[in-house]
């Protein structure tokens, strides 16, 4: 990458134009064009990526007060994640493992799940339900899902591996109704250059979405390092003057190429107080790896309980892959239907055998 001098000049010119009241619109337009051009070049350098990260989820001690429970101290739970992303095919597989607070049990429960987006279909496997069925989780709780198109997967805790390569979730754009789970690139009409700001002494250009992102917030900000335009240092979701979610990204180098090293996510309540903090460190990163579609896809296995939110359909997967229909209060044994047929067949055989035996005995007596 050889943009460093240009980046410094662009960032400095924009800041200078703002300070002296010069042609801010032209300076902003030039800076925005430079950002988008840098991202386009960086997208070409990484067609596929693999990330492994781990860290901590922190729940402030008073953040659960609204559900009738206050901890003596902040709660810290380990968490991890793995990302496999094929950008040109617009497909991904994301696996995360953490702990989630249950208001009803006043305790943390395991949360281990895989999300897969292949061929425009979003599926998910809640491994924690499979691993703890009948113990932590109900015997009737679904463990595999076919999600609707608008299910929020690429949330603020999961998007840093996208941001680091010039991509964003399409769900953040209002006009992406047909493919809300997809991965897209910002276009000039999607954003405007809002201002300049500092992060840890580094000048950043603040890009704001020109339209509501469709995530329950009214705006979405990206803070881009002025001296290294491909580096998104901060992403924020908010409404009016309130920041509801914020993710700060940190970088290092992979050889002579800038690389994502970690991120910190903070979710705030209505009063602006943190209620959830996630700190992640990248343990391994590879670009342009060979990714087979079979590595991305997730399919339900025999015995799994499935909820298809598109239909909707609630069923268990039978031995031959058939759907054994279930109701919320039904038995979830996927072999139940086959067992009934087996019992019926045995009864029929016994009945026929009895008839034959009776006829045989009568003939002998005659």
Protein backbone atom coordinates (compact mmCIF):
# COMPACT_ATOMS: atom_id res chain seq x y z
CA UNK A 1 0.00 0.00 0.00
CA UNK A 2 1.45 3.40 -0.97
CA UNK A 3 -1.19 5.95 -0.01
CA UNK A 4 0.43 7.32 3.17
CA UNK A 5 1.45 10.79 1.90
CA UNK A 6 -1.86 11.28 0.13
CA UNK A 7 -3.76 10.25 3.25
CA UNK A 8 -1.92 12.76 5.43
CA UNK A 9 -2.50 15.53 2.90
CA UNK A 10 -6.21 14.73 2.55
CA UNK A 11 -6.77 14.58 6.30
CA UNK A 12 -4.82 17.78 6.87
CA UNK A 13 -6.54 19.67 4.04
CA UNK A 14 -9.99 18.71 5.29
CA UNK A 15 -9.18 19.77 8.85
CA UNK A 16 -7.59 23.01 7.60
CA UNK A 17 -10.60 23.81 5.41
CA UNK A 18 -12.91 23.31 8.37
CA UNK A 19 -10.79 25.57 10.59
CA UNK A 20 -10.40 28.47 8.17
CA UNK A 21 -13.87 28.25 6.65
CA UNK A 22 -12.61 27.33 3.18
CA UNK A 23 -14.33 25.21 0.57
CA UNK A 24 -15.43 22.54 3.03
CA UNK A 25 -17.78 20.81 0.59
CA UNK A 26 -15.02 20.28 -1.97
CA UNK A 27 -12.51 19.17 0.67
CA UNK A 28 -15.08 16.78 2.13
CA UNK A 29 -15.88 15.38 -1.30
CA UNK A 30 -12.22 14.81 -2.10
CA UNK A 31 -11.64 13.14 1.26
CA UNK A 32 -14.68 10.89 0.85
CA UNK A 33 -13.61 9.89 -2.66
CA UNK A 34 -10.16 9.02 -1.33
CA UNK A 35 -11.64 6.86 1.45
CA UNK A 36 -13.87 4.93 -0.95
CA UNK A 37 -11.04 4.46 -3.46
CA UNK A 38 -8.74 3.14 -0.73
CA UNK A 39 -11.39 0.69 0.46
CA UNK A 40 -11.98 -0.54 -3.09
CA UNK A 41 -8.26 -1.27 -3.50
CA UNK A 42 -8.11 -2.99 -0.13
CA UNK A 43 -11.11 -5.17 -1.01
CA UNK A 44 -9.19 -6.50 -4.00
CA UNK A 45 -6.32 -7.57 -1.77
CA UNK A 46 -8.42 -9.91 0.40
CA UNK A 47 -11.03 -11.97 -1.43
CA UNK A 48 -11.50 -14.39 1.44
CA UNK A 49 -10.52 -14.17 5.11
CA UNK A 50 -10.32 -16.37 8.17
CA UNK A 51 -10.27 -14.92 11.69
CA UNK A 52 -9.98 -16.55 15.10
CA UNK A 53 -10.45 -14.32 18.14
CA UNK A 54 -11.06 -14.63 21.87
CA UNK A 55 -11.58 -12.32 24.79
CA UNK A 56 -13.97 -11.29 27.55
CA UNK A 57 -17.59 -10.30 27.88
CA UNK A 58 -18.08 -7.89 30.78
CA UNK A 59 -21.46 -7.29 32.37
CA UNK A 60 -21.37 -4.28 34.74
CA UNK A 61 -22.65 -5.25 38.18
CA UNK A 62 -25.69 -2.94 38.13
CA UNK A 63 -26.65 -3.50 34.48
CA UNK A 64 -29.04 -6.33 35.45
CA UNK A 65 -30.82 -4.23 38.08
CA UNK A 66 -33.82 -3.76 35.76
CA UNK A 67 -34.50 -7.53 35.91
CA UNK A 68 -34.30 -7.63 39.69
CA UNK A 69 -30.71 -8.73 40.19
CA UNK A 70 -27.53 -6.86 41.12
CA UNK A 71 -24.13 -8.55 41.25
CA UNK A 72 -21.58 -7.73 43.91
CA UNK A 73 -19.02 -7.00 41.17
CA UNK A 74 -18.74 -6.80 37.41
CA UNK A 75 -19.17 -10.19 35.76
CA UNK A 76 -16.47 -11.37 33.36
CA UNK A 77 -17.04 -14.31 31.03
CA UNK A 78 -14.68 -15.71 28.42
CA UNK A 79 -15.80 -15.60 24.79
CA UNK A 80 -14.44 -16.58 21.39
CA UNK A 81 -15.31 -16.45 17.73
CA UNK A 82 -14.32 -17.71 14.31
CA UNK A 83 -15.06 -16.06 10.98
CA UNK A 84 -14.86 -17.59 7.50
CA UNK A 85 -15.88 -15.05 4.86
CA UNK A 86 -15.98 -15.29 1.08
CA UNK A 87 -16.52 -11.68 0.02
CA UNK A 88 -17.06 -12.10 -3.76
CA UNK A 89 -19.62 -14.88 -3.23
CA UNK A 90 -21.25 -12.93 -0.40
CA UNK A 91 -21.16 -15.94 1.93
CA UNK A 92 -19.94 -16.53 5.46
CA UNK A 93 -19.84 -18.78 8.49
CA UNK A 94 -19.50 -17.28 11.97
CA UNK A 95 -19.14 -19.34 15.14
CA UNK A 96 -19.28 -17.69 18.56
CA UNK A 97 -19.08 -19.01 22.11
CA UNK A 98 -19.89 -17.00 25.23
CA UNK A 99 -22.18 -16.78 28.26
CA UNK A 100 -25.52 -14.96 28.34
CA UNK A 101 -27.35 -13.75 31.42
CA UNK A 102 -30.76 -15.35 32.04
CA UNK A 103 -33.14 -13.00 33.85
CA UNK A 104 -35.42 -15.86 34.85
CA UNK A 105 -32.62 -17.96 36.37
CA UNK A 106 -30.49 -15.05 37.59
CA UNK A 107 -27.46 -16.83 36.19
CA UNK A 108 -25.28 -17.05 33.10
CA UNK A 109 -26.06 -19.75 30.54
CA UNK A 110 -23.76 -21.10 27.82
CA UNK A 111 -24.25 -19.63 24.35
CA UNK A 112 -22.49 -21.47 21.55
CA UNK A 113 -23.81 -21.04 18.02
CA UNK A 114 -22.93 -21.14 14.35
CA UNK A 115 -24.45 -18.89 11.69
CA UNK A 116 -24.14 -19.78 8.03
CA UNK A 117 -25.11 -17.69 5.02
CA UNK A 118 -24.81 -19.67 1.77
CA UNK A 119 -26.79 -19.29 -1.46
CA UNK A 120 -28.90 -16.57 0.11
CA UNK A 121 -30.08 -18.87 2.92
CA UNK A 122 -29.39 -18.07 6.57
CA UNK A 123 -29.20 -21.03 8.95
CA UNK A 124 -28.02 -21.43 12.51
CA UNK A 125 -27.09 -24.21 14.90
CA UNK A 126 -27.27 -23.49 18.63
CA UNK A 127 -24.67 -25.98 19.81
CA UNK A 128 -25.23 -25.00 23.43
CA UNK A 129 -28.80 -26.36 23.18
CA UNK A 130 -27.54 -29.59 21.62
CA UNK A 131 -24.85 -29.97 24.28
CA UNK A 132 -27.07 -29.14 27.28
CA UNK A 133 -30.53 -30.35 26.24
CA UNK A 134 -32.59 -31.57 29.18
CA UNK A 135 -30.15 -29.93 31.59
CA UNK A 136 -29.79 -26.20 31.00
CA UNK A 137 -32.24 -26.11 28.11
CA UNK A 138 -35.69 -27.60 27.60
CA UNK A 139 -36.08 -30.89 25.73
CA UNK A 140 -38.44 -29.11 23.34
CA UNK A 141 -36.22 -26.12 22.54
CA UNK A 142 -35.14 -25.86 18.89
CA UNK A 143 -31.43 -26.17 18.21
CA UNK A 144 -31.37 -25.58 14.45
CA UNK A 145 -32.96 -22.62 12.70
CA UNK A 146 -33.83 -21.51 9.20
CA UNK A 147 -34.01 -17.76 9.74
CA UNK A 148 -36.03 -15.08 8.03
CA UNK A 149 -34.14 -12.63 5.83
CA UNK A 150 -34.20 -9.85 8.42
CA UNK A 151 -32.74 -11.82 11.34
CA UNK A 152 -29.87 -9.74 12.83
CA UNK A 153 -26.65 -11.75 12.53
CA UNK A 154 -24.03 -9.24 11.45
CA UNK A 155 -24.31 -7.17 14.60
CA UNK A 156 -21.80 -4.66 15.94
CA UNK A 157 -19.87 -7.35 17.82
CA UNK A 158 -19.41 -9.41 14.66
CA UNK A 159 -18.62 -6.84 11.95
CA UNK A 160 -14.97 -5.83 12.66
CA UNK A 161 -13.62 -8.50 10.23
CA UNK A 162 -15.82 -6.88 7.58
CA UNK A 163 -14.90 -3.29 8.41
CA UNK A 164 -11.20 -4.14 8.32
CA UNK A 165 -11.52 -5.07 4.64
CA UNK A 166 -13.76 -2.31 3.33
CA UNK A 167 -17.13 -4.03 3.75
CA UNK A 168 -20.34 -3.46 5.69
CA UNK A 169 -23.48 -5.53 6.36
CA UNK A 170 -26.20 -4.73 3.86
CA UNK A 171 -28.64 -4.68 6.77
CA UNK A 172 -27.25 -1.24 7.59
CA UNK A 173 -28.70 0.11 4.35
CA UNK A 174 -32.42 0.75 4.08
CA UNK A 175 -32.62 -0.12 0.39
CA UNK A 176 -31.18 -3.63 0.88
CA UNK A 177 -34.54 -5.32 1.36
CA UNK A 178 -33.80 -8.19 -1.02
CA UNK A 179 -30.58 -9.31 0.67
CA UNK A 180 -30.46 -8.03 4.22
CA UNK A 181 -27.91 -10.62 5.33
CA UNK A 182 -25.49 -9.83 2.54
CA UNK A 183 -22.14 -8.06 2.66
CA UNK A 184 -21.81 -4.85 0.70
CA UNK A 185 -19.52 -1.93 -0.06
CA UNK A 186 -20.27 1.69 0.67
CA UNK A 187 -21.13 3.87 -2.32
CA UNK A 188 -20.85 7.64 -2.52
CA UNK A 189 -24.60 8.09 -2.14
CA UNK A 190 -24.67 5.98 1.04
CA UNK A 191 -22.65 8.31 3.25
CA UNK A 192 -21.55 11.85 3.82
CA UNK A 193 -18.45 13.20 5.49
CA UNK A 194 -19.76 14.56 8.77
CA UNK A 195 -16.72 16.00 10.55
CA UNK A 196 -13.21 15.37 11.81
CA UNK A 197 -12.45 13.97 15.27
CA UNK A 198 -9.63 12.48 17.32
CA UNK A 199 -9.13 8.95 18.71
CA UNK A 200 -6.07 8.53 20.91
CA UNK A 201 -4.54 11.59 19.30
CA UNK A 202 -5.12 10.28 15.75
CA UNK A 203 -7.16 12.44 13.40
CA UNK A 204 -10.18 10.63 11.98
CA UNK A 205 -12.72 11.47 9.31
CA UNK A 206 -16.26 10.77 10.52
CA UNK A 207 -18.53 9.25 7.86
CA UNK A 208 -22.24 9.15 8.60
CA UNK A 209 -24.80 7.03 6.78
CA UNK A 210 -27.02 9.16 4.59
CA UNK A 211 -30.04 6.96 5.31
CA UNK A 212 -31.32 5.14 8.38
CA UNK A 213 -29.50 1.79 8.70
CA UNK A 214 -32.61 -0.25 9.42
CA UNK A 215 -31.25 -1.57 12.70
CA UNK A 216 -33.45 0.34 15.11
CA UNK A 217 -31.08 3.31 15.10
CA UNK A 218 -31.35 6.46 13.03
CA UNK A 219 -27.69 6.84 12.09
CA UNK A 220 -24.49 4.87 11.63
CA UNK A 221 -21.01 6.40 11.91
CA UNK A 222 -17.63 5.19 10.71
CA UNK A 223 -14.49 6.90 12.01
CA UNK A 224 -11.69 6.47 9.47
CA UNK A 225 -8.06 7.19 10.30
CA UNK A 226 -7.00 10.17 8.20
CA UNK A 227 -3.38 8.99 7.88
CA UNK A 228 -4.38 5.45 6.89
CA UNK A 229 -7.70 5.63 5.11
CA UNK A 230 -8.49 1.93 5.04
CA UNK A 231 -8.45 1.74 8.85
CA UNK A 232 -11.91 2.06 10.37
CA UNK A 233 -11.14 2.95 13.97
CA UNK A 234 -14.69 3.27 15.29
CA UNK A 235 -18.24 2.29 14.34
CA UNK A 236 -21.27 3.72 16.13
CA UNK A 237 -25.02 3.22 16.04
CA UNK A 238 -27.30 5.79 17.59
CA UNK A 239 -30.49 7.82 17.61
CA UNK A 240 -30.47 11.60 17.78
CA UNK A 241 -27.65 12.50 20.19
CA UNK A 242 -27.47 9.14 21.97
CA UNK A 243 -24.91 6.45 21.09
CA UNK A 244 -26.52 3.05 21.62
CA UNK A 245 -23.63 0.86 20.42
CA UNK A 246 -19.97 1.51 19.74
CA UNK A 247 -17.12 -0.67 18.48
CA UNK A 248 -13.50 0.53 18.56
CA UNK A 249 -11.00 -1.31 16.37
CA UNK A 250 -7.24 -1.62 16.87
CA UNK A 251 -4.64 -2.53 14.25
CA UNK A 252 -1.13 -3.86 13.89
CA UNK A 253 0.78 -5.24 10.93
CA UNK A 254 0.86 -8.56 9.11
CA UNK A 255 4.24 -8.27 7.45
CA UNK A 256 4.12 -4.83 5.85
CA UNK A 257 0.32 -4.82 5.59
CA UNK A 258 -1.99 -3.30 8.17
CA UNK A 259 -4.09 -5.92 9.97
CA UNK A 260 -6.91 -5.99 12.50
CA UNK A 261 -5.66 -6.91 15.97
CA UNK A 262 -8.76 -6.60 18.13
CA UNK A 263 -11.82 -4.59 19.06
CA UNK A 264 -13.89 -3.36 21.99
CA UNK A 265 -17.67 -3.23 21.84
CA UNK A 266 -19.88 -1.28 24.25
CA UNK A 267 -23.66 -1.33 24.40
CA UNK A 268 -25.38 1.44 26.37
CA UNK A 269 -28.76 1.73 28.01
CA UNK A 270 -31.19 4.61 27.50
CA UNK A 271 -29.19 6.73 29.97
CA UNK A 272 -25.92 6.10 28.19
CA UNK A 273 -24.56 3.69 30.81
CA UNK A 274 -22.71 0.56 29.59
CA UNK A 275 -24.71 -2.65 30.00
CA UNK A 276 -22.46 -4.97 27.99
CA UNK A 277 -18.81 -4.79 27.00
CA UNK A 278 -16.98 -7.23 24.73
CA UNK A 279 -13.20 -7.12 24.32
CA UNK A 280 -11.73 -9.33 21.58
CA UNK A 281 -8.15 -10.10 20.51
CA UNK A 282 -7.35 -11.63 17.12
CA UNK A 283 -5.37 -14.85 17.61
CA UNK A 284 -4.98 -15.82 13.98
CA UNK A 285 -5.74 -14.22 10.64
CA UNK A 286 -5.36 -15.44 7.06
CA UNK A 287 -6.31 -13.77 3.82
CA UNK A 288 -7.09 -15.33 0.44
CA UNK A 289 -7.56 -18.79 1.95
CA UNK A 290 -9.26 -21.52 -0.05
CA UNK A 291 -12.80 -21.87 1.29
CA UNK A 292 -15.03 -24.69 0.12
CA UNK A 293 -18.77 -24.16 0.30
CA UNK A 294 -19.05 -27.26 2.48
CA UNK A 295 -16.98 -25.44 5.11
CA UNK A 296 -19.53 -22.64 5.25
CA UNK A 297 -22.79 -24.56 5.11
CA UNK A 298 -24.55 -25.83 8.23
CA UNK A 299 -27.18 -28.56 7.93
CA UNK A 300 -29.47 -30.18 10.53
CA UNK A 301 -28.58 -33.71 11.59
CA UNK A 302 -30.74 -36.66 12.57
CA UNK A 303 -32.53 -36.09 15.87
CA UNK A 304 -32.20 -32.31 15.81
CA UNK A 305 -35.21 -30.12 16.58
CA UNK A 306 -35.67 -27.52 13.87
CA UNK A 307 -37.61 -24.28 13.69
CA UNK A 308 -38.10 -22.89 10.19
CA UNK A 309 -39.13 -19.29 10.77
CA UNK A 310 -39.89 -18.77 7.09
CA UNK A 311 -42.78 -21.22 6.87
CA UNK A 312 -43.09 -21.53 9.92
CA UNK A 313 -42.47 -25.22 10.61
CA UNK A 314 -41.44 -26.93 13.87
CA UNK A 315 -40.13 -30.46 13.47
CA UNK A 316 -37.54 -33.07 14.35
CA UNK A 317 -35.23 -34.60 11.76
CA UNK A 318 -35.97 -38.29 11.30
CA UNK A 319 -33.48 -41.10 10.50
CA UNK A 320 -33.95 -40.63 6.76
CA UNK A 321 -33.94 -36.84 6.87
CA UNK A 322 -37.73 -36.59 6.93
CA UNK A 323 -39.56 -33.93 8.92
CA UNK A 324 -41.39 -35.33 11.94
CA UNK A 325 -43.91 -32.61 12.75
CA UNK A 326 -43.93 -31.33 16.31
CA UNK A 327 -46.08 -29.00 18.35
CA UNK A 328 -44.83 -27.01 21.36
CA UNK A 329 -46.29 -29.59 23.73
CA UNK A 330 -45.48 -32.70 21.73
CA UNK A 331 -42.95 -35.44 22.25
CA UNK A 332 -39.73 -34.48 20.46
CA UNK A 333 -38.50 -38.01 19.74
CA UNK A 334 -37.80 -37.97 15.98
CA UNK A 335 -38.25 -41.76 15.87
CA UNK A 336 -41.71 -41.60 17.43
CA UNK A 337 -43.51 -41.92 14.12
CA UNK A 338 -41.37 -44.85 13.04
CA UNK A 339 -41.81 -46.55 16.40
CA UNK A 340 -45.58 -46.35 16.02
CA UNK A 341 -45.40 -47.93 12.58
CA UNK A 342 -43.16 -50.66 13.95
CA UNK A 343 -45.58 -51.43 16.79
CA UNK A 344 -48.48 -51.46 14.35
CA UNK A 345 -46.63 -53.87 12.06
CA UNK A 346 -45.79 -56.19 14.97
CA UNK A 347 -49.42 -56.21 16.11
CA UNK A 348 -50.57 -57.05 12.59
CA UNK A 349 -48.08 -59.92 12.31
CA UNK A 350 -49.16 -61.33 15.68
CA UNK A 351 -52.83 -61.06 14.71
CA UNK A 352 -52.31 -62.86 11.40
CA UNK A 353 -50.22 -65.52 13.13
CA UNK A 354 -52.98 -66.05 15.71
CA UNK A 355 -55.60 -66.48 13.00
CA UNK A 356 -53.45 -68.99 11.12
CA UNK A 357 -52.81 -70.92 14.33
CA UNK A 358 -56.53 -71.04 15.23
CA UNK A 359 -57.46 -72.28 11.74
CA UNK A 360 -54.72 -74.89 11.88
CA UNK A 361 -55.88 -76.20 15.30
CA UNK A 362 -59.51 -76.36 14.19
CA UNK A 363 -58.60 -78.38 11.12
CA UNK A 364 -56.64 -80.83 13.23
CA UNK A 365 -59.59 -81.31 15.59
CA UNK A 366 -61.88 -81.92 12.62
